Amino acid sequence: MPKGRDIGLLLQPLSEKTVQAYFGQGLHTLGLLRWIVRQTGRCTAFVSSYSTSEPFLNGFYLMRQHGYITRAAILLDCRAAGKTVRLEQLLGNAFDNVFLGQNHSKVLLVRNKEWKVTAVTSQNQTYGNRAESTIVTTDGGVFDQMLRQFEECCSDGAVELDVRNGSGIIEANRRICGDAAYTSADRRPPGTEE
């Protein structure tokens, strides 16, 4: 299926169903995120993935330029750090905070005053024609738990890249991904404080 498939044919509007799922081809992460933010309006977004891609980052950046996403943080796996560093400028354009850690999850967390949306998918931030699975929920309890655990992953054993200044890792201890003593319970991605 082409990457431009109408998600409205695959999923119902967020206001009509608290939980919905899709298994198959044609539902890509960037399109799913666009579909969500067009319903929620301006929001904060938290994203996790094993790795990311130039098309995803460009699309995410455009959503920010159009005012859909005001603040954003991403957690990527440290094993994909080589690819991540090559995309550093795009990451800096798209996200306020970029974390590298032990991560294989693929989660989108979107919130504003009216909405808390969680999407869990099997797909990395790429396009392809393989079947993928996705669950989308507007259950606030699920969102709160996933955001709390996202924060834990970003502060326990992960490092934050300084993508704004291009100066590497933010923190005096520069060892990556769990083999470091990096823990900072008070470091939180933007917009997570409540």
N, C-alpha and C. Protein backbone atom coordinates (compact mmCIF):
# COMPACT_ATOMS: atom_id res chain seq x y z
N MET A 1 0.83 -1.18 0.00
CA MET A 1 0.00 0.00 0.00
C MET A 1 0.88 1.24 0.00
N PRO A 2 0.47 2.28 -0.67
CA PRO A 2 1.28 3.49 -0.70
C PRO A 2 1.30 4.19 0.65
N LYS A 3 2.36 4.99 0.88
CA LYS A 3 2.50 5.63 2.18
C LYS A 3 1.44 6.70 2.42
N GLY A 4 0.73 7.13 1.41
CA GLY A 4 -0.28 8.16 1.58
C GLY A 4 -1.68 7.63 1.85
N ARG A 5 -1.82 6.39 2.26
CA ARG A 5 -3.14 5.79 2.50
C ARG A 5 -3.92 6.58 3.54
N ASP A 6 -5.20 6.76 3.31
CA ASP A 6 -6.08 7.52 4.20
C ASP A 6 -6.32 6.71 5.48
N ILE A 7 -5.80 7.22 6.60
CA ILE A 7 -5.92 6.51 7.87
C ILE A 7 -7.38 6.47 8.32
N GLY A 8 -8.17 7.42 7.86
CA GLY A 8 -9.59 7.42 8.18
C GLY A 8 -10.31 6.18 7.68
N LEU A 9 -9.71 5.48 6.72
CA LEU A 9 -10.27 4.21 6.25
C LEU A 9 -9.87 3.05 7.16
N LEU A 10 -8.84 3.26 7.98
CA LEU A 10 -8.31 2.20 8.84
C LEU A 10 -8.73 2.36 10.30
N LEU A 11 -8.88 3.60 10.75
CA LEU A 11 -9.21 3.89 12.14
C LEU A 11 -10.36 4.89 12.21
N GLN A 12 -11.11 4.83 13.29
CA GLN A 12 -12.19 5.78 13.53
C GLN A 12 -11.64 7.02 14.22
N PRO A 13 -12.34 8.14 14.17
CA PRO A 13 -11.87 9.34 14.88
C PRO A 13 -11.63 9.06 16.36
N LEU A 14 -10.66 9.75 16.94
CA LEU A 14 -10.30 9.56 18.35
C LEU A 14 -11.50 9.78 19.27
N SER A 15 -12.38 10.69 18.92
CA SER A 15 -13.53 11.00 19.77
C SER A 15 -14.57 9.90 19.78
N GLU A 16 -14.48 8.96 18.84
CA GLU A 16 -15.49 7.91 18.73
C GLU A 16 -15.12 6.60 19.42
N LYS A 17 -13.82 6.37 19.64
CA LYS A 17 -13.38 5.11 20.25
C LYS A 17 -12.22 5.36 21.20
N THR A 18 -12.31 4.79 22.40
CA THR A 18 -11.25 4.94 23.38
C THR A 18 -10.03 4.10 23.03
N VAL A 19 -10.27 2.90 22.49
CA VAL A 19 -9.18 1.99 22.11
C VAL A 19 -9.49 1.44 20.74
N GLN A 20 -8.49 1.46 19.87
CA GLN A 20 -8.65 0.83 18.56
C GLN A 20 -7.30 0.27 18.10
N ALA A 21 -7.39 -0.70 17.23
CA ALA A 21 -6.17 -1.39 16.79
C ALA A 21 -6.21 -1.62 15.29
N TYR A 22 -5.01 -1.77 14.73
CA TYR A 22 -4.90 -2.10 13.31
C TYR A 22 -3.71 -3.03 13.14
N PHE A 23 -3.88 -4.04 12.31
CA PHE A 23 -2.80 -4.97 11.96
C PHE A 23 -2.82 -5.11 10.45
N GLY A 24 -1.76 -4.70 9.80
CA GLY A 24 -1.70 -4.82 8.34
C GLY A 24 -0.76 -3.79 7.76
N GLN A 25 -0.87 -3.59 6.46
CA GLN A 25 -0.02 -2.66 5.74
C GLN A 25 -0.71 -1.30 5.62
N GLY A 26 0.08 -0.27 5.41
CA GLY A 26 -0.46 1.03 5.06
C GLY A 26 -0.61 2.03 6.18
N LEU A 27 -0.34 1.65 7.42
CA LEU A 27 -0.43 2.58 8.54
C LEU A 27 0.99 2.87 9.01
N HIS A 28 1.52 4.02 8.60
CA HIS A 28 2.89 4.37 8.92
C HIS A 28 2.93 5.37 10.07
N THR A 29 3.99 5.37 10.83
CA THR A 29 4.10 6.15 12.05
C THR A 29 3.89 7.64 11.82
N LEU A 30 4.52 8.21 10.80
CA LEU A 30 4.37 9.63 10.55
C LEU A 30 2.92 9.97 10.18
N GLY A 31 2.32 9.17 9.32
CA GLY A 31 0.91 9.40 8.96
C GLY A 31 0.00 9.26 10.16
N LEU A 32 0.28 8.30 11.04
CA LEU A 32 -0.49 8.10 12.25
C LEU A 32 -0.38 9.34 13.14
N LEU A 33 0.81 9.86 13.31
CA LEU A 33 1.01 11.04 14.13
C LEU A 33 0.26 12.24 13.53
N ARG A 34 0.36 12.43 12.22
CA ARG A 34 -0.39 13.52 11.56
C ARG A 34 -1.88 13.39 11.81
N TRP A 35 -2.40 12.18 11.70
CA TRP A 35 -3.82 11.90 11.91
C TRP A 35 -4.22 12.27 13.35
N ILE A 36 -3.37 11.94 14.31
CA ILE A 36 -3.65 12.25 15.71
C ILE A 36 -3.66 13.76 15.95
N VAL A 37 -2.60 14.46 15.52
CA VAL A 37 -2.49 15.89 15.85
C VAL A 37 -3.51 16.73 15.08
N ARG A 38 -3.97 16.27 13.96
CA ARG A 38 -5.04 17.00 13.26
C ARG A 38 -6.34 16.95 14.05
N GLN A 39 -6.49 15.95 14.89
CA GLN A 39 -7.68 15.85 15.75
C GLN A 39 -7.50 16.54 17.09
N THR A 40 -6.28 16.49 17.63
CA THR A 40 -6.04 17.07 18.95
C THR A 40 -5.76 18.57 18.89
N GLY A 41 -5.21 19.04 17.79
CA GLY A 41 -4.74 20.42 17.72
C GLY A 41 -3.38 20.54 18.36
N ARG A 42 -2.98 21.76 18.68
CA ARG A 42 -1.65 22.03 19.25
C ARG A 42 -1.38 21.13 20.44
N CYS A 43 -0.18 20.54 20.47
CA CYS A 43 0.11 19.57 21.52
C CYS A 43 1.60 19.46 21.78
N THR A 44 1.91 18.72 22.83
CA THR A 44 3.27 18.30 23.15
C THR A 44 3.37 16.84 22.73
N ALA A 45 4.51 16.46 22.16
CA ALA A 45 4.67 15.08 21.69
C ALA A 45 5.94 14.46 22.26
N PHE A 46 5.81 13.19 22.64
CA PHE A 46 6.94 12.39 23.11
C PHE A 46 6.99 11.16 22.22
N VAL A 47 8.15 10.86 21.68
CA VAL A 47 8.28 9.80 20.69
C VAL A 47 9.40 8.87 21.11
N SER A 48 9.18 7.56 20.96
CA SER A 48 10.28 6.61 21.15
C SER A 48 10.32 5.69 19.94
N SER A 49 11.54 5.32 19.58
CA SER A 49 11.73 4.40 18.45
C SER A 49 13.13 3.81 18.56
N TYR A 50 13.32 2.68 17.93
CA TYR A 50 14.67 2.13 17.87
C TYR A 50 15.56 3.07 17.07
N SER A 51 15.06 3.50 15.91
CA SER A 51 15.80 4.44 15.07
C SER A 51 14.80 5.33 14.35
N THR A 52 15.32 6.35 13.69
CA THR A 52 14.46 7.27 12.96
C THR A 52 14.99 7.42 11.55
N SER A 53 14.29 8.20 10.74
CA SER A 53 14.69 8.38 9.34
C SER A 53 14.53 9.83 8.94
N GLU A 54 15.20 10.19 7.86
CA GLU A 54 15.10 11.54 7.33
C GLU A 54 13.67 11.91 6.95
N PRO A 55 12.91 11.03 6.26
CA PRO A 55 11.52 11.39 5.94
C PRO A 55 10.67 11.63 7.19
N PHE A 56 10.84 10.82 8.24
CA PHE A 56 10.08 11.03 9.47
C PHE A 56 10.43 12.38 10.09
N LEU A 57 11.72 12.68 10.20
CA LEU A 57 12.14 13.93 10.82
C LEU A 57 11.67 15.14 10.02
N ASN A 58 11.75 15.06 8.70
CA ASN A 58 11.24 16.17 7.87
C ASN A 58 9.75 16.37 8.07
N GLY A 59 8.99 15.28 8.10
CA GLY A 59 7.55 15.37 8.32
C GLY A 59 7.21 15.90 9.70
N PHE A 60 7.96 15.46 10.70
CA PHE A 60 7.75 15.93 12.07
C PHE A 60 8.03 17.43 12.14
N TYR A 61 9.13 17.85 11.52
CA TYR A 61 9.50 19.27 11.49
C TYR A 61 8.39 20.10 10.84
N LEU A 62 7.81 19.61 9.77
CA LEU A 62 6.72 20.34 9.11
C LEU A 62 5.50 20.47 10.03
N MET A 63 5.19 19.43 10.80
CA MET A 63 4.09 19.53 11.75
C MET A 63 4.38 20.61 12.80
N ARG A 64 5.63 20.72 13.19
CA ARG A 64 6.00 21.79 14.14
C ARG A 64 5.87 23.16 13.48
N GLN A 65 6.31 23.25 12.23
CA GLN A 65 6.22 24.52 11.51
C GLN A 65 4.76 24.97 11.34
N HIS A 66 3.86 24.01 11.19
CA HIS A 66 2.44 24.32 11.04
C HIS A 66 1.75 24.54 12.39
N GLY A 67 2.48 24.45 13.48
CA GLY A 67 1.95 24.74 14.80
C GLY A 67 1.23 23.61 15.49
N TYR A 68 1.26 22.41 14.92
CA TYR A 68 0.59 21.28 15.57
C TYR A 68 1.33 20.83 16.82
N ILE A 69 2.66 20.84 16.77
CA ILE A 69 3.48 20.35 17.89
C ILE A 69 4.30 21.52 18.43
N THR A 70 4.11 21.82 19.71
CA THR A 70 4.80 22.96 20.30
C THR A 70 6.10 22.56 21.00
N ARG A 71 6.11 21.41 21.65
CA ARG A 71 7.30 20.90 22.33
C ARG A 71 7.40 19.42 22.01
N ALA A 72 8.63 18.90 21.96
CA ALA A 72 8.79 17.49 21.59
C ALA A 72 10.09 16.92 22.13
N ALA A 73 10.03 15.64 22.50
CA ALA A 73 11.21 14.89 22.94
C ALA A 73 11.17 13.53 22.26
N ILE A 74 12.35 13.00 21.97
CA ILE A 74 12.46 11.68 21.34
C ILE A 74 13.49 10.85 22.09
N LEU A 75 13.19 9.56 22.23
CA LEU A 75 14.11 8.57 22.81
C LEU A 75 14.43 7.55 21.73
N LEU A 76 15.71 7.42 21.40
CA LEU A 76 16.18 6.47 20.39
C LEU A 76 17.16 5.50 21.04
N ASP A 77 17.40 4.39 20.38
CA ASP A 77 18.30 3.39 20.93
C ASP A 77 19.75 3.78 20.67
N CYS A 78 20.61 3.53 21.66
CA CYS A 78 22.03 3.87 21.51
C CYS A 78 22.71 3.03 20.43
N ARG A 79 22.17 1.86 20.11
CA ARG A 79 22.78 1.04 19.07
C ARG A 79 22.61 1.65 17.69
N ALA A 80 21.64 2.55 17.57
CA ALA A 80 21.44 3.24 16.30
C ALA A 80 22.10 4.62 16.32
N ALA A 81 23.02 4.83 17.26
CA ALA A 81 23.62 6.16 17.45
C ALA A 81 24.37 6.65 16.21
N GLY A 82 25.00 5.76 15.46
CA GLY A 82 25.71 6.19 14.26
C GLY A 82 24.77 6.87 13.28
N LYS A 83 23.63 6.26 13.05
CA LYS A 83 22.63 6.84 12.16
C LYS A 83 22.06 8.12 12.78
N THR A 84 21.83 8.09 14.08
CA THR A 84 21.26 9.24 14.78
C THR A 84 22.15 10.46 14.64
N VAL A 85 23.45 10.30 14.81
CA VAL A 85 24.38 11.41 14.72
C VAL A 85 24.38 12.00 13.32
N ARG A 86 24.25 11.16 12.30
CA ARG A 86 24.18 11.67 10.92
C ARG A 86 22.94 12.53 10.69
N LEU A 87 21.91 12.31 11.49
CA LEU A 87 20.66 13.07 11.36
C LEU A 87 20.56 14.17 12.42
N GLU A 88 21.68 14.52 13.03
CA GLU A 88 21.67 15.44 14.16
C GLU A 88 21.01 16.78 13.85
N GLN A 89 21.28 17.37 12.71
CA GLN A 89 20.68 18.67 12.38
C GLN A 89 19.17 18.54 12.24
N LEU A 90 18.71 17.50 11.56
CA LEU A 90 17.27 17.29 11.43
C LEU A 90 16.62 17.02 12.78
N LEU A 91 17.28 16.23 13.63
CA LEU A 91 16.77 15.98 14.98
C LEU A 91 16.64 17.29 15.75
N GLY A 92 17.62 18.17 15.63
CA GLY A 92 17.58 19.46 16.31
C GLY A 92 16.47 20.36 15.80
N ASN A 93 16.15 20.24 14.52
CA ASN A 93 15.04 21.02 13.96
C ASN A 93 13.69 20.50 14.43
N ALA A 94 13.59 19.20 14.61
CA ALA A 94 12.30 18.57 14.91
C ALA A 94 12.03 18.46 16.41
N PHE A 95 13.05 18.22 17.23
CA PHE A 95 12.85 17.92 18.64
C PHE A 95 13.61 18.87 19.54
N ASP A 96 13.01 19.17 20.69
CA ASP A 96 13.66 19.99 21.71
C ASP A 96 14.69 19.17 22.47
N ASN A 97 14.39 17.89 22.70
CA ASN A 97 15.29 17.01 23.44
C ASN A 97 15.41 15.68 22.71
N VAL A 98 16.65 15.19 22.61
CA VAL A 98 16.95 13.92 21.97
C VAL A 98 17.73 13.07 22.96
N PHE A 99 17.18 11.91 23.29
CA PHE A 99 17.80 11.01 24.26
C PHE A 99 18.22 9.72 23.56
N LEU A 100 19.37 9.17 23.96
CA LEU A 100 19.83 7.85 23.51
C LEU A 100 19.88 6.94 24.73
N GLY A 101 19.26 5.78 24.60
CA GLY A 101 19.24 4.84 25.72
C GLY A 101 19.02 3.43 25.21
N GLN A 102 18.78 2.53 26.13
CA GLN A 102 18.46 1.15 25.78
C GLN A 102 16.98 1.11 25.41
N ASN A 103 16.66 1.25 24.16
CA ASN A 103 15.27 1.40 23.76
C ASN A 103 14.95 0.64 22.48
N HIS A 104 13.90 -0.13 22.52
CA HIS A 104 13.39 -0.78 21.31
C HIS A 104 11.91 -0.46 21.12
N SER A 105 11.34 0.34 22.00
CA SER A 105 9.91 0.67 21.94
C SER A 105 9.62 1.61 20.78
N LYS A 106 8.38 1.57 20.34
CA LYS A 106 7.90 2.49 19.30
C LYS A 106 6.58 3.06 19.81
N VAL A 107 6.65 4.23 20.44
CA VAL A 107 5.49 4.82 21.10
C VAL A 107 5.37 6.29 20.70
N LEU A 108 4.12 6.73 20.52
CA LEU A 108 3.80 8.15 20.34
C LEU A 108 2.92 8.56 21.50
N LEU A 109 3.29 9.62 22.20
CA LEU A 109 2.49 10.17 23.29
C LEU A 109 2.19 11.62 22.93
N VAL A 110 0.91 11.95 22.82
CA VAL A 110 0.49 13.28 22.40
C VAL A 110 -0.48 13.82 23.45
N ARG A 111 -0.23 15.05 23.90
CA ARG A 111 -1.15 15.60 24.89
C ARG A 111 -1.28 17.12 24.76
N ASN A 112 -2.43 17.58 25.20
CA ASN A 112 -2.71 18.98 25.43
C ASN A 112 -3.76 19.03 26.54
N LYS A 113 -4.42 20.17 26.73
CA LYS A 113 -5.38 20.27 27.84
C LYS A 113 -6.58 19.36 27.66
N GLU A 114 -6.96 19.05 26.43
CA GLU A 114 -8.15 18.24 26.18
C GLU A 114 -7.86 16.77 25.90
N TRP A 115 -6.65 16.45 25.45
CA TRP A 115 -6.37 15.10 24.97
C TRP A 115 -5.14 14.50 25.62
N LYS A 116 -5.18 13.18 25.79
CA LYS A 116 -4.02 12.35 26.10
C LYS A 116 -4.14 11.13 25.20
N VAL A 117 -3.26 11.05 24.20
CA VAL A 117 -3.34 9.98 23.21
C VAL A 117 -2.05 9.17 23.26
N THR A 118 -2.19 7.87 23.31
CA THR A 118 -1.05 6.94 23.28
C THR A 118 -1.19 6.05 22.06
N ALA A 119 -0.14 5.94 21.28
CA ALA A 119 -0.10 5.00 20.16
C ALA A 119 1.13 4.12 20.32
N VAL A 120 0.92 2.83 20.31
CA VAL A 120 2.02 1.86 20.40
C VAL A 120 2.02 1.09 19.09
N THR A 121 3.16 1.06 18.44
CA THR A 121 3.24 0.43 17.12
C THR A 121 4.47 -0.45 17.03
N SER A 122 4.44 -1.38 16.11
CA SER A 122 5.61 -2.24 15.90
C SER A 122 6.60 -1.59 14.92
N GLN A 123 6.21 -0.51 14.30
CA GLN A 123 7.00 0.07 13.20
C GLN A 123 8.02 1.10 13.67
N ASN A 124 9.23 0.98 13.14
CA ASN A 124 10.20 2.05 13.30
C ASN A 124 9.72 3.23 12.47
N GLN A 125 10.38 4.34 12.54
CA GLN A 125 9.95 5.54 11.83
C GLN A 125 10.42 5.52 10.39
N THR A 126 9.93 4.54 9.67
CA THR A 126 10.31 4.34 8.28
C THR A 126 9.06 4.02 7.46
N TYR A 127 9.23 3.94 6.16
CA TYR A 127 8.15 3.50 5.28
C TYR A 127 8.51 2.13 4.74
N GLY A 128 7.51 1.32 4.54
CA GLY A 128 7.72 0.00 3.98
C GLY A 128 6.38 -0.64 3.71
N ASN A 129 6.41 -1.81 3.13
CA ASN A 129 5.15 -2.46 2.80
C ASN A 129 4.91 -3.72 3.64
N ARG A 130 5.62 -3.85 4.75
CA ARG A 130 5.40 -4.99 5.64
C ARG A 130 4.22 -4.71 6.56
N ALA A 131 3.57 -5.76 6.99
CA ALA A 131 2.48 -5.61 7.95
C ALA A 131 3.05 -5.15 9.29
N GLU A 132 2.37 -4.24 9.93
CA GLU A 132 2.74 -3.71 11.23
C GLU A 132 1.50 -3.73 12.12
N SER A 133 1.70 -3.64 13.42
CA SER A 133 0.58 -3.60 14.35
C SER A 133 0.59 -2.27 15.10
N THR A 134 -0.60 -1.76 15.38
CA THR A 134 -0.74 -0.48 16.07
C THR A 134 -1.95 -0.52 17.00
N ILE A 135 -1.80 0.02 18.18
CA ILE A 135 -2.91 0.23 19.10
C ILE A 135 -2.91 1.70 19.48
N VAL A 136 -4.07 2.34 19.38
CA VAL A 136 -4.23 3.75 19.73
C VAL A 136 -5.28 3.83 20.83
N THR A 137 -4.97 4.59 21.89
CA THR A 137 -5.95 4.77 22.96
C THR A 137 -5.94 6.21 23.46
N THR A 138 -7.10 6.66 23.88
CA THR A 138 -7.24 7.96 24.51
C THR A 138 -7.45 7.81 26.02
N ASP A 139 -7.16 6.65 26.56
CA ASP A 139 -7.28 6.39 27.99
C ASP A 139 -6.18 7.17 28.73
N GLY A 140 -6.59 8.08 29.61
CA GLY A 140 -5.64 8.92 30.33
C GLY A 140 -4.72 8.15 31.25
N GLY A 141 -5.21 7.08 31.85
CA GLY A 141 -4.38 6.27 32.73
C GLY A 141 -3.25 5.59 31.98
N VAL A 142 -3.53 5.09 30.79
CA VAL A 142 -2.49 4.48 29.96
C VAL A 142 -1.45 5.54 29.60
N PHE A 143 -1.92 6.71 29.17
CA PHE A 143 -1.00 7.79 28.81
C PHE A 143 -0.09 8.15 29.98
N ASP A 144 -0.69 8.37 31.16
CA ASP A 144 0.09 8.77 32.33
C ASP A 144 1.16 7.74 32.68
N GLN A 145 0.81 6.46 32.63
CA GLN A 145 1.78 5.41 32.93
C GLN A 145 2.90 5.39 31.89
N MET A 146 2.53 5.47 30.61
CA MET A 146 3.55 5.43 29.56
C MET A 146 4.47 6.65 29.63
N LEU A 147 3.91 7.83 29.91
CA LEU A 147 4.75 9.03 30.02
C LEU A 147 5.70 8.91 31.21
N ARG A 148 5.21 8.42 32.33
CA ARG A 148 6.06 8.23 33.51
C ARG A 148 7.22 7.29 33.17
N GLN A 149 6.93 6.21 32.46
CA GLN A 149 7.98 5.25 32.10
C GLN A 149 8.90 5.80 31.01
N PHE A 150 8.37 6.62 30.11
CA PHE A 150 9.20 7.31 29.12
C PHE A 150 10.22 8.20 29.85
N GLU A 151 9.75 8.96 30.83
CA GLU A 151 10.63 9.82 31.63
C GLU A 151 11.71 9.01 32.34
N GLU A 152 11.32 7.86 32.90
CA GLU A 152 12.29 7.01 33.58
C GLU A 152 13.37 6.54 32.60
N CYS A 153 12.97 6.14 31.42
CA CYS A 153 13.95 5.69 30.42
C CYS A 153 14.88 6.82 29.99
N CYS A 154 14.36 8.04 29.94
CA CYS A 154 15.18 9.19 29.53
C CYS A 154 16.13 9.64 30.63
N SER A 155 15.85 9.29 31.88
CA SER A 155 16.69 9.78 32.97
C SER A 155 17.54 8.70 33.62
N ASP A 156 17.30 7.45 33.32
CA ASP A 156 18.04 6.37 33.97
C ASP A 156 18.85 5.60 32.93
N GLY A 157 20.11 5.96 32.80
CA GLY A 157 20.99 5.25 31.89
C GLY A 157 21.01 5.79 30.48
N ALA A 158 20.16 6.77 30.17
CA ALA A 158 20.17 7.38 28.84
C ALA A 158 21.00 8.66 28.90
N VAL A 159 21.38 9.14 27.75
CA VAL A 159 22.09 10.42 27.66
C VAL A 159 21.29 11.32 26.73
N GLU A 160 21.43 12.61 26.93
CA GLU A 160 20.77 13.59 26.08
C GLU A 160 21.79 14.19 25.13
N LEU A 161 21.45 14.22 23.85
CA LEU A 161 22.32 14.84 22.87
C LEU A 161 22.05 16.34 22.82
N ASP A 162 23.10 17.11 22.67
CA ASP A 162 22.98 18.56 22.53
C ASP A 162 22.84 18.87 21.04
N VAL A 163 21.66 18.61 20.50
CA VAL A 163 21.45 18.78 19.06
C VAL A 163 21.32 20.25 18.67
N ARG A 164 21.07 21.12 19.61
CA ARG A 164 20.97 22.55 19.30
C ARG A 164 22.34 23.17 19.03
N ASN A 165 23.33 22.75 19.81
CA ASN A 165 24.66 23.35 19.69
C ASN A 165 25.66 22.42 19.01
N GLY A 166 25.26 21.19 18.74
CA GLY A 166 26.14 20.25 18.07
C GLY A 166 27.37 19.88 18.87
N SER A 167 27.26 19.93 20.18
CA SER A 167 28.45 19.67 20.99
C SER A 167 28.39 18.34 21.71
N GLY A 168 27.67 17.37 21.17
CA GLY A 168 27.71 16.02 21.73
C GLY A 168 26.69 15.77 22.81
N ILE A 169 27.13 15.13 23.86
CA ILE A 169 26.25 14.67 24.93
C ILE A 169 26.18 15.73 26.03
N ILE A 170 24.97 15.97 26.53
CA ILE A 170 24.78 16.90 27.64
C ILE A 170 24.98 16.12 28.92
N GLU A 171 25.99 16.40 29.66
CA GLU A 171 26.33 15.83 30.96
C GLU A 171 27.84 15.72 31.02
N ALA A 172 28.38 15.87 32.21
CA ALA A 172 29.83 15.77 32.38
C ALA A 172 30.30 14.35 32.13
N ASN A 173 29.53 13.35 32.58
CA ASN A 173 29.88 11.96 32.37
C ASN A 173 29.39 11.57 30.98
N ARG A 174 30.29 11.33 30.05
CA ARG A 174 29.91 11.14 28.66
C ARG A 174 29.87 9.69 28.20
N ARG A 175 29.83 8.74 29.10
CA ARG A 175 29.67 7.35 28.70
C ARG A 175 28.22 7.11 28.32
N ILE A 176 28.00 6.28 27.32
CA ILE A 176 26.66 6.12 26.75
C ILE A 176 25.99 4.83 27.20
N CYS A 177 24.71 4.92 27.45
CA CYS A 177 23.77 3.79 27.49
C CYS A 177 24.01 2.78 28.58
N GLY A 178 23.85 3.20 29.80
CA GLY A 178 23.78 2.24 30.89
C GLY A 178 25.12 1.83 31.47
N ASP A 179 26.20 1.89 30.71
CA ASP A 179 27.48 1.54 31.29
C ASP A 179 28.05 2.76 32.02
N ALA A 180 27.30 3.84 32.04
CA ALA A 180 27.71 5.04 32.76
C ALA A 180 26.94 5.14 34.07
N ALA A 181 27.41 5.99 34.91
CA ALA A 181 26.72 6.25 36.17
C ALA A 181 25.69 7.35 36.00
N TYR A 182 25.32 7.66 34.76
CA TYR A 182 24.37 8.74 34.48
C TYR A 182 22.99 8.38 34.99
N THR A 183 22.59 9.05 36.02
CA THR A 183 21.19 9.01 36.46
C THR A 183 20.86 10.42 36.92
N SER A 184 19.72 10.89 36.56
CA SER A 184 19.32 12.23 36.94
C SER A 184 17.81 12.25 37.04
N ALA A 185 17.31 11.92 38.22
CA ALA A 185 15.86 11.82 38.41
C ALA A 185 15.17 13.15 38.17
N ASP A 186 15.91 14.27 38.32
CA ASP A 186 15.25 15.55 38.12
C ASP A 186 15.28 16.01 36.67
N ARG A 187 16.00 15.32 35.77
CA ARG A 187 16.00 15.70 34.35
C ARG A 187 14.76 15.12 33.71
N ARG A 188 13.95 15.97 33.15
CA ARG A 188 12.70 15.51 32.53
C ARG A 188 12.58 16.16 31.17
N PRO A 189 12.03 15.46 30.21
CA PRO A 189 11.78 16.06 28.90
C PRO A 189 10.83 17.25 29.04
N PRO A 190 10.91 18.23 28.12
CA PRO A 190 10.07 19.41 28.25
C PRO A 190 8.59 19.06 28.22
N GLY A 191 7.85 19.75 29.05
CA GLY A 191 6.40 19.54 29.07
C GLY A 191 5.95 18.40 29.94
N THR A 192 6.89 17.69 30.59
CA THR A 192 6.46 16.56 31.42
C THR A 192 6.15 16.99 32.85
N GLU A 193 6.61 18.18 33.22
CA GLU A 193 6.32 18.62 34.56
C GLU A 193 4.85 19.03 34.65
N GLU A 194 4.22 18.61 35.73
CA GLU A 194 2.81 18.98 35.91
C GLU A 194 2.57 19.40 37.32
